[in-house]
N, C-alpha and C. Protein backbone atom coordinates (compact mmCIF):
# COMPACT_ATOMS: atom_id res chain seq x y z
N MET A 1 -13.10 -45.07 -0.71
CA MET A 1 -13.62 -43.81 -0.94
C MET A 1 -13.83 -43.12 0.42
N ALA A 2 -13.23 -41.93 0.51
CA ALA A 2 -13.38 -41.23 1.84
C ALA A 2 -14.67 -40.36 1.88
N THR A 3 -15.27 -40.33 2.99
CA THR A 3 -16.50 -39.51 3.13
C THR A 3 -16.27 -38.40 4.18
N ASN A 4 -16.92 -37.29 3.86
CA ASN A 4 -16.82 -36.12 4.77
C ASN A 4 -17.92 -36.25 5.78
N THR A 5 -17.46 -36.36 7.10
CA THR A 5 -18.48 -36.45 8.18
C THR A 5 -18.79 -35.10 8.85
N THR A 6 -18.23 -33.98 8.32
CA THR A 6 -18.45 -32.73 8.91
C THR A 6 -19.91 -32.23 8.52
N LYS A 7 -20.63 -31.73 9.51
CA LYS A 7 -21.94 -31.20 9.28
C LYS A 7 -21.91 -29.71 9.26
N GLN A 8 -22.59 -29.12 8.33
CA GLN A 8 -22.54 -27.65 8.16
C GLN A 8 -23.78 -27.24 8.95
N THR A 9 -23.54 -26.15 9.76
CA THR A 9 -24.67 -25.62 10.52
C THR A 9 -24.77 -24.10 10.18
N SER A 10 -25.88 -23.50 10.59
CA SER A 10 -26.03 -22.09 10.29
C SER A 10 -25.64 -21.25 11.60
N ALA A 11 -25.01 -21.87 12.51
CA ALA A 11 -24.65 -21.18 13.75
C ALA A 11 -23.65 -20.05 13.47
N GLY A 12 -22.83 -20.19 12.55
CA GLY A 12 -21.81 -19.16 12.16
C GLY A 12 -22.26 -18.25 11.07
N ALA A 13 -23.42 -18.36 10.59
CA ALA A 13 -23.96 -17.51 9.51
C ALA A 13 -24.07 -16.01 9.93
N THR A 14 -23.89 -15.13 9.08
CA THR A 14 -24.04 -13.77 9.39
C THR A 14 -25.37 -13.30 8.93
N ASP A 15 -26.12 -12.49 9.71
CA ASP A 15 -27.40 -11.97 9.37
C ASP A 15 -27.15 -10.79 8.44
N ILE A 16 -27.61 -10.82 7.17
CA ILE A 16 -27.42 -9.93 6.17
C ILE A 16 -28.19 -8.60 6.47
N THR A 17 -29.26 -8.65 7.18
CA THR A 17 -30.10 -7.42 7.46
C THR A 17 -29.61 -6.62 8.63
N GLU A 18 -28.53 -7.10 9.37
CA GLU A 18 -28.09 -6.40 10.58
C GLU A 18 -27.49 -5.06 10.15
N ASP A 19 -27.67 -4.02 11.00
CA ASP A 19 -27.08 -2.72 10.77
C ASP A 19 -25.63 -2.72 10.91
N HIS A 20 -24.90 -2.10 10.09
CA HIS A 20 -23.45 -1.96 10.28
C HIS A 20 -23.15 -0.56 10.77
N PRO A 21 -22.18 -0.41 11.68
CA PRO A 21 -21.80 0.98 12.07
C PRO A 21 -21.22 1.75 10.85
N GLU A 22 -21.40 3.01 10.93
CA GLU A 22 -20.80 3.79 9.87
C GLU A 22 -19.31 3.60 9.82
N ARG A 23 -18.82 3.39 8.56
CA ARG A 23 -17.33 3.12 8.39
C ARG A 23 -16.63 4.46 8.35
N THR A 24 -15.39 4.46 8.93
CA THR A 24 -14.63 5.66 8.94
C THR A 24 -13.54 5.56 7.90
N ARG A 25 -13.26 6.61 7.33
CA ARG A 25 -12.18 6.71 6.18
C ARG A 25 -10.84 6.58 6.91
N ARG A 26 -10.11 5.64 6.37
CA ARG A 26 -8.69 5.55 6.92
C ARG A 26 -7.82 6.32 6.05
N ALA A 27 -6.70 6.77 6.65
CA ALA A 27 -5.54 7.35 5.89
C ALA A 27 -5.00 6.35 4.93
N PRO A 28 -4.67 6.83 3.71
CA PRO A 28 -4.14 5.89 2.74
C PRO A 28 -2.89 5.12 3.23
N ALA A 29 -2.75 3.90 2.84
CA ALA A 29 -1.66 3.14 3.24
C ALA A 29 -0.37 3.56 2.55
N VAL A 30 0.74 3.45 3.28
CA VAL A 30 2.02 3.81 2.71
C VAL A 30 2.53 2.55 1.84
N VAL A 31 2.85 2.91 0.65
CA VAL A 31 3.42 1.91 -0.25
C VAL A 31 4.91 1.86 -0.12
N GLY A 32 5.50 0.80 -0.19
CA GLY A 32 6.96 0.72 -0.16
C GLY A 32 7.52 0.62 1.29
N PRO A 33 8.69 1.12 1.43
CA PRO A 33 9.28 1.22 2.80
C PRO A 33 8.51 1.96 3.84
N PRO A 34 8.48 1.56 5.07
CA PRO A 34 7.69 2.28 6.09
C PRO A 34 8.22 3.64 6.32
N LEU A 35 7.31 4.51 6.97
CA LEU A 35 7.76 5.84 7.37
C LEU A 35 8.77 5.72 8.52
N GLY A 36 9.70 6.72 8.41
CA GLY A 36 10.65 6.78 9.59
C GLY A 36 10.02 7.51 10.68
N GLU A 37 10.68 7.62 11.89
CA GLU A 37 10.08 8.29 12.98
C GLU A 37 9.93 9.80 12.73
N GLY A 38 8.75 10.21 12.92
CA GLY A 38 8.42 11.73 12.75
C GLY A 38 8.16 12.07 11.30
N GLN A 39 8.19 11.19 10.42
CA GLN A 39 7.94 11.59 8.97
C GLN A 39 6.48 11.63 8.56
N GLU A 40 6.09 12.40 7.75
CA GLU A 40 4.73 12.49 7.23
C GLU A 40 4.76 11.85 5.83
N PRO A 41 3.72 11.09 5.36
CA PRO A 41 3.72 10.51 4.09
C PRO A 41 3.60 11.53 2.98
N VAL A 42 3.97 11.18 1.83
CA VAL A 42 4.03 12.11 0.67
C VAL A 42 3.24 11.39 -0.47
N THR A 43 2.38 12.13 -1.19
CA THR A 43 1.64 11.49 -2.31
C THR A 43 2.35 11.91 -3.56
N VAL A 44 2.74 10.89 -4.41
CA VAL A 44 3.39 11.12 -5.69
C VAL A 44 2.51 10.62 -6.82
N THR A 45 2.73 11.19 -7.94
CA THR A 45 2.02 10.66 -9.24
C THR A 45 3.04 9.95 -10.07
N LEU A 46 2.77 8.76 -10.44
CA LEU A 46 3.68 7.99 -11.22
C LEU A 46 3.70 8.34 -12.68
N SER A 47 4.90 8.33 -13.24
CA SER A 47 5.02 8.53 -14.75
C SER A 47 5.20 7.28 -15.57
N HIS A 48 5.51 6.18 -14.91
CA HIS A 48 5.82 4.90 -15.44
C HIS A 48 5.16 3.79 -14.62
N HIS A 49 4.95 2.64 -15.23
CA HIS A 49 4.51 1.50 -14.52
C HIS A 49 5.49 1.12 -13.46
N LEU A 50 4.90 0.73 -12.26
CA LEU A 50 5.74 0.33 -11.14
C LEU A 50 5.17 -0.81 -10.40
N ARG A 51 5.89 -1.82 -10.03
CA ARG A 51 5.35 -2.86 -9.28
C ARG A 51 6.11 -2.86 -7.97
N ILE A 52 5.36 -2.79 -6.94
CA ILE A 52 5.86 -2.70 -5.55
C ILE A 52 5.26 -3.94 -4.82
N GLY A 53 6.01 -4.82 -4.37
CA GLY A 53 5.46 -6.11 -3.73
C GLY A 53 4.59 -6.79 -4.77
N ALA A 54 3.35 -7.03 -4.38
CA ALA A 54 2.56 -7.81 -5.42
C ALA A 54 1.54 -6.83 -6.00
N ALA A 55 1.73 -5.56 -5.83
CA ALA A 55 0.77 -4.56 -6.43
C ALA A 55 1.40 -3.82 -7.63
N ASP A 56 0.63 -3.71 -8.75
CA ASP A 56 1.00 -3.04 -9.89
C ASP A 56 0.42 -1.63 -9.91
N PHE A 57 1.13 -0.58 -10.20
CA PHE A 57 0.68 0.77 -10.33
C PHE A 57 0.93 1.18 -11.76
N THR A 58 -0.02 1.78 -12.34
CA THR A 58 0.03 2.20 -13.74
C THR A 58 0.44 3.73 -13.77
N PRO A 59 0.91 4.18 -14.93
CA PRO A 59 1.22 5.62 -15.05
C PRO A 59 0.01 6.50 -14.74
N GLY A 60 0.27 7.53 -13.96
CA GLY A 60 -0.87 8.39 -13.62
C GLY A 60 -1.42 8.05 -12.16
N ALA A 61 -1.06 6.91 -11.67
CA ALA A 61 -1.57 6.44 -10.40
C ALA A 61 -0.92 7.35 -9.22
N GLU A 62 -1.73 7.71 -8.31
CA GLU A 62 -1.14 8.40 -7.16
C GLU A 62 -1.01 7.47 -5.99
N ILE A 63 0.22 7.42 -5.48
CA ILE A 63 0.46 6.46 -4.32
C ILE A 63 1.07 7.36 -3.17
N THR A 64 0.92 6.84 -1.94
CA THR A 64 1.39 7.46 -0.82
C THR A 64 2.72 6.77 -0.36
N VAL A 65 3.74 7.48 -0.22
CA VAL A 65 5.06 6.83 0.12
C VAL A 65 5.72 7.68 1.16
N SER A 66 6.82 7.11 1.75
CA SER A 66 7.71 7.88 2.62
C SER A 66 8.43 8.97 1.82
N PRO A 67 8.87 10.05 2.55
CA PRO A 67 9.62 11.10 1.81
C PRO A 67 10.91 10.52 1.24
N ASP A 68 11.54 9.58 1.98
CA ASP A 68 12.83 9.00 1.30
C ASP A 68 12.56 8.27 0.10
N TYR A 69 11.53 7.42 0.08
CA TYR A 69 11.16 6.62 -1.09
C TYR A 69 10.71 7.57 -2.22
N ALA A 70 10.02 8.68 -1.93
CA ALA A 70 9.55 9.60 -3.03
C ALA A 70 10.89 10.23 -3.61
N ARG A 71 11.92 10.52 -2.91
CA ARG A 71 13.07 11.02 -3.49
C ARG A 71 13.76 10.00 -4.33
N ARG A 72 13.73 8.74 -3.95
CA ARG A 72 14.42 7.72 -4.76
C ARG A 72 13.62 7.43 -6.05
N LEU A 73 12.31 7.51 -5.95
CA LEU A 73 11.41 7.32 -7.11
C LEU A 73 11.67 8.49 -8.15
N HIS A 74 11.72 9.69 -7.52
CA HIS A 74 11.95 10.86 -8.41
C HIS A 74 13.38 10.78 -9.13
N GLY A 75 14.44 10.40 -8.35
CA GLY A 75 15.74 10.22 -8.93
C GLY A 75 15.88 9.20 -10.01
N GLN A 76 14.97 8.15 -9.91
CA GLN A 76 15.02 7.06 -10.92
C GLN A 76 13.98 7.36 -12.06
N GLY A 77 13.31 8.44 -12.04
CA GLY A 77 12.44 8.87 -13.14
C GLY A 77 11.04 8.31 -13.03
N PHE A 78 10.58 7.76 -11.89
CA PHE A 78 9.30 7.15 -11.85
C PHE A 78 8.11 8.08 -11.50
N THR A 79 8.46 9.35 -11.10
CA THR A 79 7.44 10.28 -10.71
C THR A 79 7.21 11.26 -11.80
N ALA A 80 5.95 11.72 -11.92
CA ALA A 80 5.62 12.68 -12.90
C ALA A 80 5.97 14.09 -12.47
N ARG A 81 6.29 15.01 -13.46
CA ARG A 81 6.57 16.34 -13.11
C ARG A 81 5.32 17.06 -12.82
N THR A 82 5.29 17.84 -11.78
CA THR A 82 4.07 18.65 -11.51
C THR A 82 4.38 20.13 -11.39
C-alpha cells in the first residue's frame, strides 16, 4: 500500500478578502481563423447551429469572426439575414 508523504500547507492559499483591481473589459475573441493583417473583426448572427473547435454556437448567437470567415459563413448559409 502506497502512502502519500506530501504535506499540505496554507502558504499558497489566497486571501479571499483581498481587494481586486477593477477588471477591464476585453474585446471579444475572434472565433475561427485569425484576423489577417489590417483586418477588423466582424460580428455575425448565426442562423444555424455551428461547432467551431470545441465550442458550440446555437442559432441566434452573435460571434466575432474575421471578414473572410464571415463571407464563407454567409456563402454556406450559416449567417442570419439582417
